[in-house]
Amino acid sequence: MPKNKIIANVFKTNSFMESLKISIKGLIYLFLYHRNMRIIFVCGLAALLFGYFLKLKGIELVALSITVALVFMAEIFNTAIEMMMNIVSGEHNVKIKLIKDIAAAVVVVTCVNSLAVAYILFWKKLF
């Protein structure tokens, strides 16, 4: 393949609709094959519905939505990093395990943050 065709393929741009389809396929894969994604989605949806039911203010719902999205994004990145590391080395590797553990720690940090946000937003409404 000529060099300029290789470059053209590398920098090929998709239409917005094509990019959206690719993203949706990725989300479908995550929901079908990764239990944690389903758990995070259900918990996030429950938190948002609970916030709506408790009549949180608009800005409070925005904070809650951002928090839910951050947890979801952290889990997506964690899953992508784990899959990538599995491709890099199928064998046990201490450094790859450490990379996976660090990626998982990001999810834990965002989950702890989400609990703090939930406490701040829901505690005053419930008690």
C-alpha atoms as a PDB file:
ATOM      1  CA  MET A   1       0.000   0.000   0.000  1.00  0.00           C
ATOM      2  CA  PRO A   2       1.424   3.408  -0.912  1.00  0.00           C
ATOM      3  CA  LYS A   3       2.480   5.643   1.966  1.00  0.00           C
ATOM      4  CA  ASN A   4      -0.111   8.367   1.241  1.00  0.00           C
ATOM      5  CA  LYS A   5      -2.966   5.778   1.312  1.00  0.00           C
ATOM      6  CA  ILE A   6      -1.774   4.520   4.691  1.00  0.00           C
ATOM      7  CA  ILE A   7      -1.753   8.080   6.005  1.00  0.00           C
ATOM      8  CA  ALA A   8      -5.214   8.689   4.524  1.00  0.00           C
ATOM      9  CA  ASN A   9      -6.555   5.598   6.323  1.00  0.00           C
ATOM     10  CA  VAL A  10      -4.978   6.597   9.617  1.00  0.00           C
ATOM     11  CA  PHE A  11      -6.465  10.091   9.483  1.00  0.00           C
ATOM     12  CA  LYS A  12      -9.788   9.029   7.954  1.00  0.00           C
ATOM     13  CA  THR A  13     -12.660  10.875   9.556  1.00  0.00           C
ATOM     14  CA  ASN A  14     -16.049   9.374  10.180  1.00  0.00           C
ATOM     15  CA  SER A  15     -19.293  11.228   9.868  1.00  0.00           C
ATOM     16  CA  PHE A  16     -20.987  12.203  13.105  1.00  0.00           C
ATOM     17  CA  MET A  17     -23.615   9.499  12.627  1.00  0.00           C
ATOM     18  CA  GLU A  18     -20.941   6.843  12.011  1.00  0.00           C
ATOM     19  CA  SER A  19     -19.080   7.925  15.163  1.00  0.00           C
ATOM     20  CA  LEU A  20     -22.337   7.808  17.114  1.00  0.00           C
ATOM     21  CA  LYS A  21     -23.067   4.274  15.858  1.00  0.00           C
ATOM     22  CA  ILE A  22     -19.578   3.133  16.892  1.00  0.00           C
ATOM     23  CA  SER A  23     -20.052   4.651  20.370  1.00  0.00           C
ATOM     24  CA  ILE A  24     -23.450   3.015  20.802  1.00  0.00           C
ATOM     25  CA  LYS A  25     -21.981  -0.366  19.810  1.00  0.00           C
ATOM     26  CA  GLY A  26     -19.354   0.126  22.504  1.00  0.00           C
ATOM     27  CA  LEU A  27     -21.989   0.919  25.123  1.00  0.00           C
ATOM     28  CA  ILE A  28     -24.076  -2.086  24.090  1.00  0.00           C
ATOM     29  CA  TYR A  29     -21.010  -4.308  24.422  1.00  0.00           C
ATOM     30  CA  LEU A  30     -20.309  -2.929  27.903  1.00  0.00           C
ATOM     31  CA  PHE A  31     -23.901  -3.529  29.044  1.00  0.00           C
ATOM     32  CA  LEU A  32     -24.022  -7.044  27.619  1.00  0.00           C
ATOM     33  CA  TYR A  33     -20.681  -8.326  28.849  1.00  0.00           C
ATOM     34  CA  HIS A  34     -19.693  -6.268  31.903  1.00  0.00           C
ATOM     35  CA  ARG A  35     -21.785  -6.705  35.033  1.00  0.00           C
ATOM     36  CA  ASN A  36     -20.300  -3.636  36.748  1.00  0.00           C
ATOM     37  CA  MET A  37     -21.593  -1.412  33.941  1.00  0.00           C
ATOM     38  CA  ARG A  38     -25.128  -2.657  34.523  1.00  0.00           C
ATOM     39  CA  ILE A  39     -24.783  -2.168  38.281  1.00  0.00           C
ATOM     40  CA  ILE A  40     -23.425   1.366  37.898  1.00  0.00           C
ATOM     41  CA  PHE A  41     -26.149   2.252  35.398  1.00  0.00           C
ATOM     42  CA  VAL A  42     -28.950   0.950  37.641  1.00  0.00           C
ATOM     43  CA  CYS A  43     -27.518   2.692  40.724  1.00  0.00           C
ATOM     44  CA  GLY A  44     -27.024   5.938  38.813  1.00  0.00           C
ATOM     45  CA  LEU A  45     -30.522   5.834  37.380  1.00  0.00           C
ATOM     46  CA  ALA A  46     -31.926   5.075  40.839  1.00  0.00           C
ATOM     47  CA  ALA A  47     -30.011   8.018  42.328  1.00  0.00           C
ATOM     48  CA  LEU A  48     -31.296  10.372  39.630  1.00  0.00           C
ATOM     49  CA  LEU A  49     -34.888   9.173  40.040  1.00  0.00           C
ATOM     50  CA  PHE A  50     -34.543   9.447  43.815  1.00  0.00           C
ATOM     51  CA  GLY A  51     -33.249  12.998  43.426  1.00  0.00           C
ATOM     52  CA  TYR A  52     -36.165  13.873  41.173  1.00  0.00           C
ATOM     53  CA  PHE A  53     -38.614  12.231  43.608  1.00  0.00           C
ATOM     54  CA  LEU A  54     -37.147  14.249  46.509  1.00  0.00           C
ATOM     55  CA  LYS A  55     -37.495  17.409  44.413  1.00  0.00           C
ATOM     56  CA  LEU A  56     -33.831  18.345  44.416  1.00  0.00           C
ATOM     57  CA  LYS A  57     -33.100  21.789  42.995  1.00  0.00           C
ATOM     58  CA  GLY A  58     -31.893  22.073  39.422  1.00  0.00           C
ATOM     59  CA  ILE A  59     -28.271  22.663  40.383  1.00  0.00           C
ATOM     60  CA  GLU A  60     -28.401  19.696  42.777  1.00  0.00           C
ATOM     61  CA  LEU A  61     -29.692  17.456  39.981  1.00  0.00           C
ATOM     62  CA  VAL A  62     -26.906  18.740  37.736  1.00  0.00           C
ATOM     63  CA  ALA A  63     -24.310  17.865  40.412  1.00  0.00           C
ATOM     64  CA  LEU A  64     -25.872  14.441  40.803  1.00  0.00           C
ATOM     65  CA  SER A  65     -25.912  13.859  37.027  1.00  0.00           C
ATOM     66  CA  ILE A  66     -22.265  14.855  36.687  1.00  0.00           C
ATOM     67  CA  THR A  67     -21.332  12.574  39.562  1.00  0.00           C
ATOM     68  CA  VAL A  68     -23.173   9.621  38.024  1.00  0.00           C
ATOM     69  CA  ALA A  69     -21.536  10.309  34.656  1.00  0.00           C
ATOM     70  CA  LEU A  70     -18.066  10.453  36.265  1.00  0.00           C
ATOM     71  CA  VAL A  71     -18.519   7.048  37.881  1.00  0.00           C
ATOM     72  CA  PHE A  72     -19.744   5.616  34.592  1.00  0.00           C
ATOM     73  CA  MET A  73     -16.825   7.154  32.673  1.00  0.00           C
ATOM     74  CA  ALA A  74     -14.323   5.867  35.230  1.00  0.00           C
ATOM     75  CA  GLU A  75     -15.661   2.338  34.807  1.00  0.00           C
ATOM     76  CA  ILE A  76     -15.538   2.663  31.009  1.00  0.00           C
ATOM     77  CA  PHE A  77     -11.885   3.749  31.145  1.00  0.00           C
ATOM     78  CA  ASN A  78     -11.091   1.020  33.661  1.00  0.00           C
ATOM     79  CA  THR A  79     -12.618  -1.609  31.380  1.00  0.00           C
ATOM     80  CA  ALA A  80     -10.766  -0.250  28.335  1.00  0.00           C
ATOM     81  CA  ILE A  81      -7.434  -0.246  30.187  1.00  0.00           C
ATOM     82  CA  GLU A  82      -7.977  -3.783  31.486  1.00  0.00           C
ATOM     83  CA  MET A  83      -8.837  -5.045  27.999  1.00  0.00           C
ATOM     84  CA  MET A  84      -5.837  -3.280  26.492  1.00  0.00           C
ATOM     85  CA  MET A  85      -3.497  -4.731  29.119  1.00  0.00           C
ATOM     86  CA  ASN A  86      -4.895  -8.213  28.454  1.00  0.00           C
ATOM     87  CA  ILE A  87      -3.975  -7.753  24.787  1.00  0.00           C
ATOM     88  CA  VAL A  88      -0.480  -6.523  25.659  1.00  0.00           C
ATOM     89  CA  SER A  89       0.252  -9.570  27.780  1.00  0.00           C
ATOM     90  CA  GLY A  90      -1.878 -12.630  28.367  1.00  0.00           C
ATOM     91  CA  GLU A  91       0.574 -13.845  30.991  1.00  0.00           C
ATOM     92  CA  HIS A  92       0.822 -12.633  34.574  1.00  0.00           C
ATOM     93  CA  ASN A  93       2.921  -9.486  34.729  1.00  0.00           C
ATOM     94  CA  VAL A  94       3.428  -7.502  37.932  1.00  0.00           C
ATOM     95  CA  LYS A  95       3.533  -4.128  36.167  1.00  0.00           C
ATOM     96  CA  ILE A  96       0.394  -4.854  34.158  1.00  0.00           C
ATOM     97  CA  LYS A  97      -1.377  -5.936  37.355  1.00  0.00           C
ATOM     98  CA  LEU A  98      -0.332  -2.641  38.938  1.00  0.00           C
ATOM     99  CA  ILE A  99      -1.697  -0.694  35.940  1.00  0.00           C
ATOM    100  CA  LYS A 100      -5.008  -2.563  36.237  1.00  0.00           C
ATOM    101  CA  ASP A 101      -5.122  -1.945  39.996  1.00  0.00           C
ATOM    102  CA  ILE A 102      -4.523   1.779  39.489  1.00  0.00           C
ATOM    103  CA  ALA A 103      -7.274   1.932  36.869  1.00  0.00           C
ATOM    104  CA  ALA A 104      -9.612   0.168  39.301  1.00  0.00           C
ATOM    105  CA  ALA A 105      -8.626   2.672  42.007  1.00  0.00           C
ATOM    106  CA  VAL A 106      -9.969   5.472  39.824  1.00  0.00           C
ATOM    107  CA  VAL A 107     -13.377   3.785  39.930  1.00  0.00           C
ATOM    108  CA  VAL A 108     -13.178   3.452  43.709  1.00  0.00           C
ATOM    109  CA  VAL A 109     -12.295   7.142  44.102  1.00  0.00           C
ATOM    110  CA  THR A 110     -15.226   8.232  41.928  1.00  0.00           C
ATOM    111  CA  CYS A 111     -17.561   5.890  43.819  1.00  0.00           C
ATOM    112  CA  VAL A 112     -16.468   7.327  47.175  1.00  0.00           C
ATOM    113  CA  ASN A 113     -17.000  10.796  45.736  1.00  0.00           C
ATOM    114  CA  SER A 114     -20.461   9.802  44.549  1.00  0.00           C
ATOM    115  CA  LEU A 115     -21.343   8.584  48.038  1.00  0.00           C
ATOM    116  CA  ALA A 116     -20.205  11.912  49.489  1.00  0.00           C
ATOM    117  CA  VAL A 117     -22.301  13.828  46.945  1.00  0.00           C
ATOM    118  CA  ALA A 118     -25.302  11.584  47.647  1.00  0.00           C
ATOM    119  CA  TYR A 119     -24.884  12.153  51.382  1.00  0.00           C
ATOM    120  CA  ILE A 120     -24.725  15.932  50.929  1.00  0.00           C
ATOM    121  CA  LEU A 121     -27.735  16.037  48.614  1.00  0.00           C
ATOM    122  CA  PHE A 122     -29.999  13.431  50.208  1.00  0.00           C
ATOM    123  CA  TRP A 123     -29.275  13.685  53.936  1.00  0.00           C
ATOM    124  CA  LYS A 124     -30.891  17.107  54.366  1.00  0.00           C
ATOM    125  CA  LYS A 125     -33.945  16.019  52.360  1.00  0.00           C
ATOM    126  CA  LEU A 126     -34.458  12.804  54.296  1.00  0.00           C
ATOM    127  CA  PHE A 127     -33.695  13.992  57.818  1.00  0.00           C
END
